[in-house]
Amino acid sequence: MNSKILLLMITLGLSNYGYAGEKRIYAWKDQNGVLVFSDTPRKGATEVKLSSQSLTMPAKDIATLSSQSHTKKTGFGIAITSPEHNQTIHENTGTIYVTSRVMPSFKAGYTIQLLVNGEANGPAINNSVFAIADVEAGEHMLQLRLFNEKNQIIAVSEPRIFNMRRKGKIHSN
């Protein structure tokens, strides 16, 4: 099932991502419980809000990722569901979709912030799917922060490492 979701996300990443600001993306679960993404709406689908189309890749600094030092025991948890830990992604445009799961549930007023290589990739949003573009080739670390309605961090995900592989540009002489 995870391979179907990964294949779907890669397909979405390859399909005209540059027009994502103009197009809408919808998500739903099929009869087998597989999460499906499409640019065609259908009954029961919800619109996916993309958080950003730009990405700045700072130097790695994992010192800020200590989740134990600044979160309280709240009964909430957050986890990255895609990409998988140590996954290699072959994507020439450098686009990656990050999905998450909030436990026990994602409450109204709560927001999630994506960290890439220890730096915030934009503000916290009220969606659990992130799209980041133009990720440089190499190893990168992802992490999520869950904020309550008072903008307090109540959960931090475990770090997730992935490797981006991009085909090199051919230069003509």
Protein backbone atom coordinates (compact mmCIF):
# COMPACT_ATOMS: atom_id res chain seq x y z
CA MET A 1 0.00 0.00 0.00
CA ASN A 2 2.87 2.41 0.81
CA SER A 3 4.36 1.79 -2.63
CA LYS A 4 1.04 2.81 -4.24
CA ILE A 5 1.01 6.06 -2.28
CA LEU A 6 4.66 6.70 -3.13
CA LEU A 7 4.02 6.02 -6.82
CA LEU A 8 1.05 8.38 -6.75
CA MET A 9 3.05 11.13 -5.03
CA ILE A 10 5.93 10.78 -7.50
CA THR A 11 3.45 10.96 -10.37
CA LEU A 12 1.98 14.14 -8.92
CA GLY A 13 5.45 15.58 -8.50
CA LEU A 14 6.29 14.94 -12.13
CA SER A 15 3.07 16.47 -13.42
CA ASN A 16 3.35 20.20 -14.09
CA TYR A 17 4.20 21.22 -10.55
CA GLY A 18 4.97 24.72 -11.82
CA TYR A 19 1.25 25.24 -12.32
CA ALA A 20 0.25 24.14 -8.80
CA GLY A 21 -0.61 27.72 -7.88
CA GLU A 22 -3.23 27.77 -10.62
CA LYS A 23 -4.53 24.22 -10.29
CA ARG A 24 -6.28 22.56 -7.41
CA ILE A 25 -5.41 19.16 -5.98
CA TYR A 26 -7.96 16.89 -4.32
CA ALA A 27 -7.47 13.91 -2.03
CA TRP A 28 -9.70 10.99 -1.00
CA LYS A 29 -9.38 7.37 0.09
CA ASP A 30 -10.44 4.69 -2.37
CA GLN A 31 -12.35 1.52 -1.52
CA ASN A 32 -9.07 -0.13 -0.37
CA GLY A 33 -8.21 2.73 1.98
CA VAL A 34 -5.43 4.03 -0.31
CA LEU A 35 -4.97 7.80 -0.28
CA VAL A 36 -5.53 9.15 -3.83
CA PHE A 37 -4.49 12.59 -5.14
CA SER A 38 -5.93 14.10 -8.33
CA ASP A 39 -6.53 17.42 -10.07
CA THR A 40 -10.09 16.27 -10.82
CA PRO A 41 -12.59 16.72 -7.99
CA ARG A 42 -14.98 13.93 -7.07
CA LYS A 43 -17.63 13.31 -4.45
CA GLY A 44 -16.12 13.00 -0.97
CA ALA A 45 -12.77 14.54 -1.96
CA THR A 46 -11.17 17.39 -0.02
CA GLU A 47 -9.03 20.11 -1.56
CA VAL A 48 -5.33 19.90 -0.63
CA LYS A 49 -3.72 23.25 0.18
CA LEU A 50 -0.06 23.35 -0.82
CA SER A 51 2.07 25.22 1.67
CA SER A 52 4.83 26.50 -0.57
CA GLN A 53 6.38 26.23 -4.00
CA SER A 54 9.74 27.61 -2.98
CA LEU A 55 12.45 26.13 -0.84
CA THR A 56 15.63 27.52 0.56
CA MET A 57 18.05 24.85 1.70
CA PRO A 58 20.04 26.04 4.72
CA ALA A 59 23.05 24.27 6.17
CA LYS A 60 22.21 21.33 8.41
CA ASP A 61 21.80 22.20 12.07
CA ILE A 62 20.12 19.46 14.05
CA ALA A 63 20.74 21.10 17.44
CA THR A 64 17.34 22.81 17.28
CA LEU A 65 15.52 19.51 16.83
CA SER A 66 15.60 18.27 20.40
CA SER A 67 11.90 17.57 20.87
CA GLN A 68 12.23 16.53 24.50
CA SER A 69 13.43 19.88 25.83
CA HIS A 70 10.52 22.14 24.87
CA THR A 71 7.34 20.08 24.62
CA LYS A 72 4.93 19.18 27.36
CA LYS A 73 3.13 15.88 27.78
CA THR A 74 -0.11 16.68 25.97
CA GLY A 75 -1.37 13.34 24.75
CA PHE A 76 -0.77 14.43 21.15
CA GLY A 77 1.75 13.04 18.74
CA ILE A 78 2.77 13.76 15.17
CA ALA A 79 4.57 11.56 12.66
CA ILE A 80 5.80 11.86 9.10
CA THR A 81 4.08 9.20 6.99
CA SER A 82 5.84 9.98 3.71
CA PRO A 83 8.61 9.88 2.65
CA GLU A 84 9.87 6.81 4.48
CA HIS A 85 13.01 7.05 6.64
CA ASN A 86 16.20 6.77 4.53
CA GLN A 87 14.15 6.69 1.32
CA THR A 88 15.88 7.70 -1.91
CA ILE A 89 13.69 9.85 -4.14
CA HIS A 90 14.52 10.07 -7.84
CA GLU A 91 12.86 13.32 -8.94
CA ASN A 92 14.46 15.55 -11.58
CA THR A 93 12.43 18.62 -10.59
CA GLY A 94 13.39 18.20 -6.93
CA THR A 95 9.76 18.15 -5.81
CA ILE A 96 8.74 16.15 -2.73
CA TYR A 97 5.43 15.75 -0.94
CA VAL A 98 5.53 15.32 2.82
CA THR A 99 2.51 13.79 4.53
CA SER A 100 1.86 13.48 8.23
CA ARG A 101 -0.42 11.92 10.82
CA VAL A 102 -1.57 13.57 14.05
CA MET A 103 -2.57 11.31 16.95
CA PRO A 104 -5.20 11.03 18.25
CA SER A 105 -6.68 13.53 15.74
CA PHE A 106 -5.95 16.86 14.08
CA LYS A 107 -8.11 19.36 16.01
CA ALA A 108 -9.55 22.59 14.64
CA GLY A 109 -7.23 25.49 15.40
CA TYR A 110 -4.12 23.31 15.44
CA THR A 111 -1.34 23.89 12.90
CA ILE A 112 1.70 22.01 11.62
CA GLN A 113 5.08 23.41 10.64
CA LEU A 114 7.55 21.58 8.42
CA LEU A 115 11.27 21.80 9.21
CA VAL A 116 13.77 21.00 6.46
CA ASN A 117 17.35 20.50 7.59
CA GLY A 118 16.53 22.15 10.93
CA GLU A 119 14.95 25.29 9.44
CA ALA A 120 11.26 26.18 9.15
CA ASN A 121 9.94 25.76 5.61
CA GLY A 122 7.37 28.52 5.96
CA PRO A 123 4.79 29.24 8.65
CA ALA A 124 2.68 26.62 10.42
CA ILE A 125 -0.43 25.70 8.42
CA ASN A 126 -3.70 23.88 9.12
CA ASN A 127 -2.97 21.05 6.71
CA SER A 128 -1.03 17.80 7.04
CA VAL A 129 0.34 17.67 3.48
CA PHE A 130 3.31 19.76 2.36
CA ALA A 131 4.85 20.18 -1.10
CA ILE A 132 8.38 21.47 -1.39
CA ALA A 133 10.07 22.21 -4.71
CA ASP A 134 13.58 22.38 -6.07
CA VAL A 135 15.15 20.30 -3.32
CA GLU A 136 18.86 20.00 -4.00
CA ALA A 137 20.38 16.57 -4.57
CA GLY A 138 21.73 14.94 -1.42
CA GLU A 139 20.67 13.94 2.07
CA HIS A 140 18.02 16.01 3.87
CA MET A 141 16.23 15.84 7.20
CA LEU A 142 12.53 16.51 7.78
CA GLN A 143 10.69 17.11 11.03
CA LEU A 144 7.25 18.42 11.99
CA ARG A 145 6.02 20.58 14.86
CA LEU A 146 2.39 20.48 16.01
CA PHE A 147 1.02 23.70 17.50
CA ASN A 148 -2.17 24.11 19.53
CA GLU A 149 -4.63 27.00 19.14
CA LYS A 150 -2.43 29.15 21.44
CA ASN A 151 0.52 28.63 19.06
CA GLN A 152 2.36 26.46 21.61
CA ILE A 153 4.37 23.44 20.43
CA ILE A 154 2.59 20.36 21.75
CA ALA A 155 4.34 17.64 19.73
CA VAL A 156 7.41 17.19 17.53
CA SER A 157 7.93 14.31 15.13
CA GLU A 158 10.97 12.09 15.00
CA PRO A 159 13.45 13.31 12.38
CA ARG A 160 13.07 11.67 8.96
CA ILE A 161 16.04 11.43 6.59
CA PHE A 162 15.62 11.15 2.82
CA ASN A 163 17.99 11.30 -0.14
CA MET A 164 17.11 13.35 -3.21
CA ARG A 165 18.56 12.17 -6.51
CA ARG A 166 18.28 14.46 -9.52
CA LYS A 167 19.54 13.84 -13.02
CA GLY A 168 22.37 16.24 -13.87
CA LYS A 169 21.96 18.90 -16.55
CA ILE A 170 23.69 18.25 -19.85
CA HIS A 171 25.74 21.22 -21.02
CA SER A 172 26.30 21.65 -24.76
CA ASN A 173 29.52 23.21 -26.07
